[in-house]
Amino acid sequence: MAKTPEYPIVVIPELVKEKKQFTPLVFPSGQGDAAIGASEGLFENVLKHYFGEIVSPQQVMLPPGHRLPFTADFLIIEPNTGLHIDLEVDEPISFATLKPTHCIGEDDYRNKCFVDANWLVIRFAEEQVSSQPERCARFIAGAIAQLTGNDTYRQKLLHVEKVTPMRQWSARQASKLKKSNYRQGYLVQRKNGSSVPFMVNKH
């Protein structure tokens, strides 16, 4: 039986991992107009605090042969190597459609398109970003240090604990979470200033 994927989910391009070639094969084409998720504005503040101007929200990438582009929730461009990092924030239920989303396997093709363009993909669960944003920033900084040798950002986050992993959900599990108002629960906790995970790994 296959192991359930856990957030943070990381997909590393072969050119980056094996050959240390960081230049993207497809460059971003500007800022998109996709709807911003409920936790992304607060997370952007944390990202910009630690990573500064190398963070850009809602960046569009058009894969070859595609009519429509994908929009990265956030793009980080490592300044020394030019490594492009697609940061994604995955919620289990869409407030727009009220249906399960980002279920196991659902984003595999999208991830492949970014990796084929030589972008590193890092996906967090929205609850992680909502309840432990600095820990997520530490994870990103660690990935940058490991892949590029740039330890600048990791050094800023040595005081922060490691991010708590979370299992990704199936469509059935997401439907159960919807009935329990799971997403509203952790978003309310964040709004009230709590940094304690609402329901890590209880599904």
Protein backbone atom coordinates (compact mmCIF):
# COMPACT_ATOMS: atom_id res chain seq x y z
CA MET A 1 0.00 0.00 0.00
CA ALA A 2 1.41 3.36 -1.05
CA LYS A 3 2.35 5.75 1.72
CA THR A 4 0.08 8.77 2.07
CA PRO A 5 1.92 11.92 0.92
CA GLU A 6 2.79 14.39 3.66
CA TYR A 7 3.03 18.17 3.52
CA PRO A 8 5.36 19.87 2.92
CA ILE A 9 5.44 18.17 -0.49
CA VAL A 10 8.64 18.84 -2.44
CA VAL A 11 9.24 18.04 -6.11
CA ILE A 12 12.79 18.68 -7.32
CA PRO A 13 13.70 18.90 -11.03
CA GLU A 14 16.38 16.47 -12.19
CA LEU A 15 18.47 19.31 -13.65
CA VAL A 16 18.57 20.95 -10.22
CA LYS A 17 19.14 17.76 -8.24
CA GLU A 18 21.65 15.99 -10.49
CA LYS A 19 23.39 18.72 -12.49
CA LYS A 20 22.98 21.82 -10.32
CA GLN A 21 21.50 23.66 -13.30
CA PHE A 22 19.12 26.25 -11.89
CA THR A 23 18.03 28.40 -14.85
CA PRO A 24 14.34 27.86 -15.60
CA LEU A 25 13.38 26.51 -19.01
CA VAL A 26 10.21 28.60 -18.87
CA PHE A 27 10.22 32.03 -17.23
CA PRO A 28 7.24 33.65 -15.49
CA SER A 29 5.18 36.03 -17.59
CA GLY A 30 3.90 38.42 -14.94
CA GLN A 31 1.31 38.54 -12.18
CA GLY A 32 -1.94 36.66 -12.58
CA ASP A 33 -5.42 37.47 -11.39
CA ALA A 34 -6.29 34.19 -9.67
CA ALA A 35 -8.23 34.51 -6.44
CA ILE A 36 -5.97 34.83 -3.39
CA GLY A 37 -6.49 32.17 -0.73
CA ALA A 38 -7.69 32.96 2.76
CA SER A 39 -4.26 32.50 4.37
CA GLU A 40 -2.02 33.77 1.60
CA GLY A 41 -2.01 37.46 2.52
CA LEU A 42 -0.71 36.76 6.03
CA PHE A 43 1.80 34.25 4.71
CA GLU A 44 3.06 36.80 2.18
CA ASN A 45 3.90 39.15 5.05
CA VAL A 46 5.97 36.44 6.75
CA LEU A 47 7.72 35.48 3.51
CA LYS A 48 8.63 39.08 2.72
CA HIS A 49 9.91 39.60 6.27
CA TYR A 50 12.44 36.78 5.90
CA PHE A 51 13.08 36.65 2.15
CA GLY A 52 12.48 40.26 1.12
CA GLU A 53 12.13 41.23 -2.52
CA ILE A 54 12.83 37.76 -3.92
CA VAL A 55 9.18 36.87 -3.14
CA SER A 56 6.44 37.60 -5.70
CA PRO A 57 2.79 36.52 -5.33
CA GLN A 58 0.56 35.12 -8.06
CA GLN A 59 3.14 34.58 -10.82
CA VAL A 60 2.02 33.13 -14.15
CA MET A 61 3.87 30.32 -15.95
CA LEU A 62 2.73 29.09 -19.39
CA PRO A 63 4.03 25.58 -20.16
CA PRO A 64 4.90 24.83 -23.81
CA GLY A 65 1.90 23.63 -25.79
CA HIS A 66 -0.60 24.94 -23.24
CA ARG A 67 -3.29 27.45 -24.08
CA LEU A 68 -3.79 28.54 -20.49
CA PRO A 69 -1.10 29.20 -17.88
CA PHE A 70 -0.70 28.05 -14.31
CA THR A 71 -0.40 30.61 -11.51
CA ALA A 72 2.05 29.98 -8.67
CA ASP A 73 0.70 31.15 -5.31
CA PHE A 74 4.17 32.56 -4.66
CA LEU A 75 7.40 32.61 -6.61
CA ILE A 76 10.78 32.85 -4.89
CA ILE A 77 13.84 33.44 -7.08
CA GLU A 78 17.08 32.60 -5.28
CA PRO A 79 19.35 35.56 -6.10
CA ASN A 80 22.68 33.76 -6.64
CA THR A 81 21.59 30.88 -8.86
CA GLY A 82 18.26 32.08 -10.26
CA LEU A 83 16.49 28.96 -8.93
CA HIS A 84 12.73 29.46 -9.33
CA ILE A 85 10.59 28.06 -6.50
CA ASP A 86 6.86 27.56 -6.95
CA LEU A 87 5.26 27.83 -3.49
CA GLU A 88 1.73 26.48 -3.22
CA VAL A 89 -0.79 26.70 -0.37
CA ASP A 90 -3.28 23.82 -0.53
CA GLU A 91 -6.67 23.95 1.14
CA PRO A 92 -8.86 20.82 1.45
CA ILE A 93 -12.12 22.58 0.58
CA SER A 94 -12.66 25.41 -1.88
CA PHE A 95 -14.79 28.20 -0.44
CA ALA A 96 -15.74 29.11 -4.02
CA THR A 97 -17.11 25.69 -5.05
CA LEU A 98 -17.53 24.07 -1.60
CA LYS A 99 -15.92 20.95 -3.08
CA PRO A 100 -12.79 19.00 -2.09
CA THR A 101 -9.60 20.24 -3.73
CA HIS A 102 -5.87 19.45 -3.79
CA CYS A 103 -6.64 15.80 -3.03
CA ILE A 104 -3.99 13.07 -3.36
CA GLY A 105 -2.83 12.92 -6.99
CA GLU A 106 -4.90 15.89 -8.11
CA ASP A 107 -1.94 18.25 -8.58
CA ASP A 108 0.52 15.72 -10.03
CA TYR A 109 0.24 17.00 -13.60
CA ARG A 110 0.50 20.61 -12.49
CA ASN A 111 3.60 19.78 -10.45
CA LYS A 112 5.09 18.03 -13.48
CA CYS A 113 4.58 21.12 -15.65
CA PHE A 114 6.51 23.29 -13.19
CA VAL A 115 9.25 20.68 -12.71
CA ASP A 116 9.58 20.22 -16.49
CA ALA A 117 10.14 24.01 -16.62
CA ASN A 118 12.96 23.47 -14.07
CA TRP A 119 11.11 25.08 -11.16
CA LEU A 120 11.32 23.58 -7.68
CA VAL A 121 7.84 22.91 -6.26
CA ILE A 122 7.06 23.18 -2.54
CA ARG A 123 3.48 22.63 -1.41
CA PHE A 124 2.20 23.36 2.09
CA ALA A 125 -1.18 22.57 3.57
CA GLU A 126 -3.10 25.75 4.27
CA GLU A 127 -3.33 24.80 7.94
CA GLN A 128 0.49 24.72 8.15
CA VAL A 129 0.73 28.18 6.61
CA SER A 130 -2.07 29.44 8.86
CA SER A 131 -0.86 28.00 12.17
CA GLN A 132 2.93 27.86 11.70
CA PRO A 133 3.98 30.34 8.98
CA GLU A 134 7.49 30.90 10.34
CA ARG A 135 8.12 27.15 10.43
CA CYS A 136 7.10 27.00 6.78
CA ALA A 137 9.55 29.82 6.07
CA ARG A 138 12.27 27.81 7.83
CA PHE A 139 11.51 24.83 5.60
CA ILE A 140 11.85 26.97 2.47
CA ALA A 141 15.11 28.46 3.71
CA GLY A 142 16.44 24.97 4.39
CA ALA A 143 15.58 23.83 0.87
CA ILE A 144 17.35 26.87 -0.59
CA ALA A 145 20.45 26.18 1.53
CA GLN A 146 20.51 22.50 0.64
CA LEU A 147 20.09 22.96 -3.11
CA THR A 148 22.00 26.18 -3.78
CA GLY A 149 24.42 26.54 -0.86
CA ASN A 150 22.93 29.94 0.05
CA ASP A 151 22.61 29.76 3.84
CA THR A 152 21.62 33.41 4.36
CA TYR A 153 17.91 32.80 4.87
CA ARG A 154 18.32 29.66 6.96
CA GLN A 155 20.52 31.57 9.39
CA LYS A 156 17.67 34.03 10.00
CA LEU A 157 15.36 31.20 11.02
CA LEU A 158 17.55 29.04 13.26
CA HIS A 159 15.42 30.06 16.25
CA VAL A 160 12.28 28.60 14.65
CA GLU A 161 11.17 24.99 15.15
CA LYS A 162 10.68 22.54 12.29
CA VAL A 163 7.30 22.53 10.55
CA THR A 164 4.87 19.87 11.77
CA PRO A 165 4.11 17.44 8.91
CA MET A 166 0.52 16.84 7.79
CA ARG A 167 -0.92 14.01 5.73
CA GLN A 168 -2.48 14.98 2.44
CA TRP A 169 -6.18 14.18 2.15
CA SER A 170 -8.23 12.04 -0.21
CA ALA A 171 -11.48 13.34 -1.69
CA ARG A 172 -13.42 11.25 0.84
CA GLN A 173 -11.41 12.61 3.76
CA ALA A 174 -11.81 16.18 2.50
CA SER A 175 -15.58 15.72 2.38
CA LYS A 176 -15.53 14.62 6.03
CA LEU A 177 -13.42 17.66 6.91
CA LYS A 178 -15.98 19.86 5.21
CA LYS A 179 -18.76 18.48 7.41
CA SER A 180 -16.74 19.26 10.53
CA ASN A 181 -15.99 22.85 9.38
CA TYR A 182 -12.31 21.95 9.60
CA ARG A 183 -11.07 24.73 7.33
CA GLN A 184 -13.11 27.43 9.08
CA GLY A 185 -11.73 26.17 12.43
CA TYR A 186 -8.06 26.74 11.72
CA LEU A 187 -8.71 30.00 9.88
CA VAL A 188 -10.60 31.34 12.90
CA GLN A 189 -7.74 30.27 15.17
CA ARG A 190 -5.30 32.19 13.00
CA LYS A 191 -7.55 35.24 13.00
CA ASN A 192 -7.63 35.09 16.79
CA GLY A 193 -3.84 34.97 16.96
CA SER A 194 -3.36 31.32 17.89
CA SER A 195 -0.32 29.51 16.48
CA VAL A 196 -1.34 26.04 17.67
CA PRO A 197 -2.20 23.58 14.86
CA PHE A 198 -5.96 23.05 14.79
CA MET A 199 -6.11 19.40 13.79
CA VAL A 200 -2.75 18.17 12.52
CA ASN A 201 -2.87 14.60 11.22
CA LYS A 202 -6.32 13.79 12.60
CA HIS A 203 -7.71 12.76 9.25
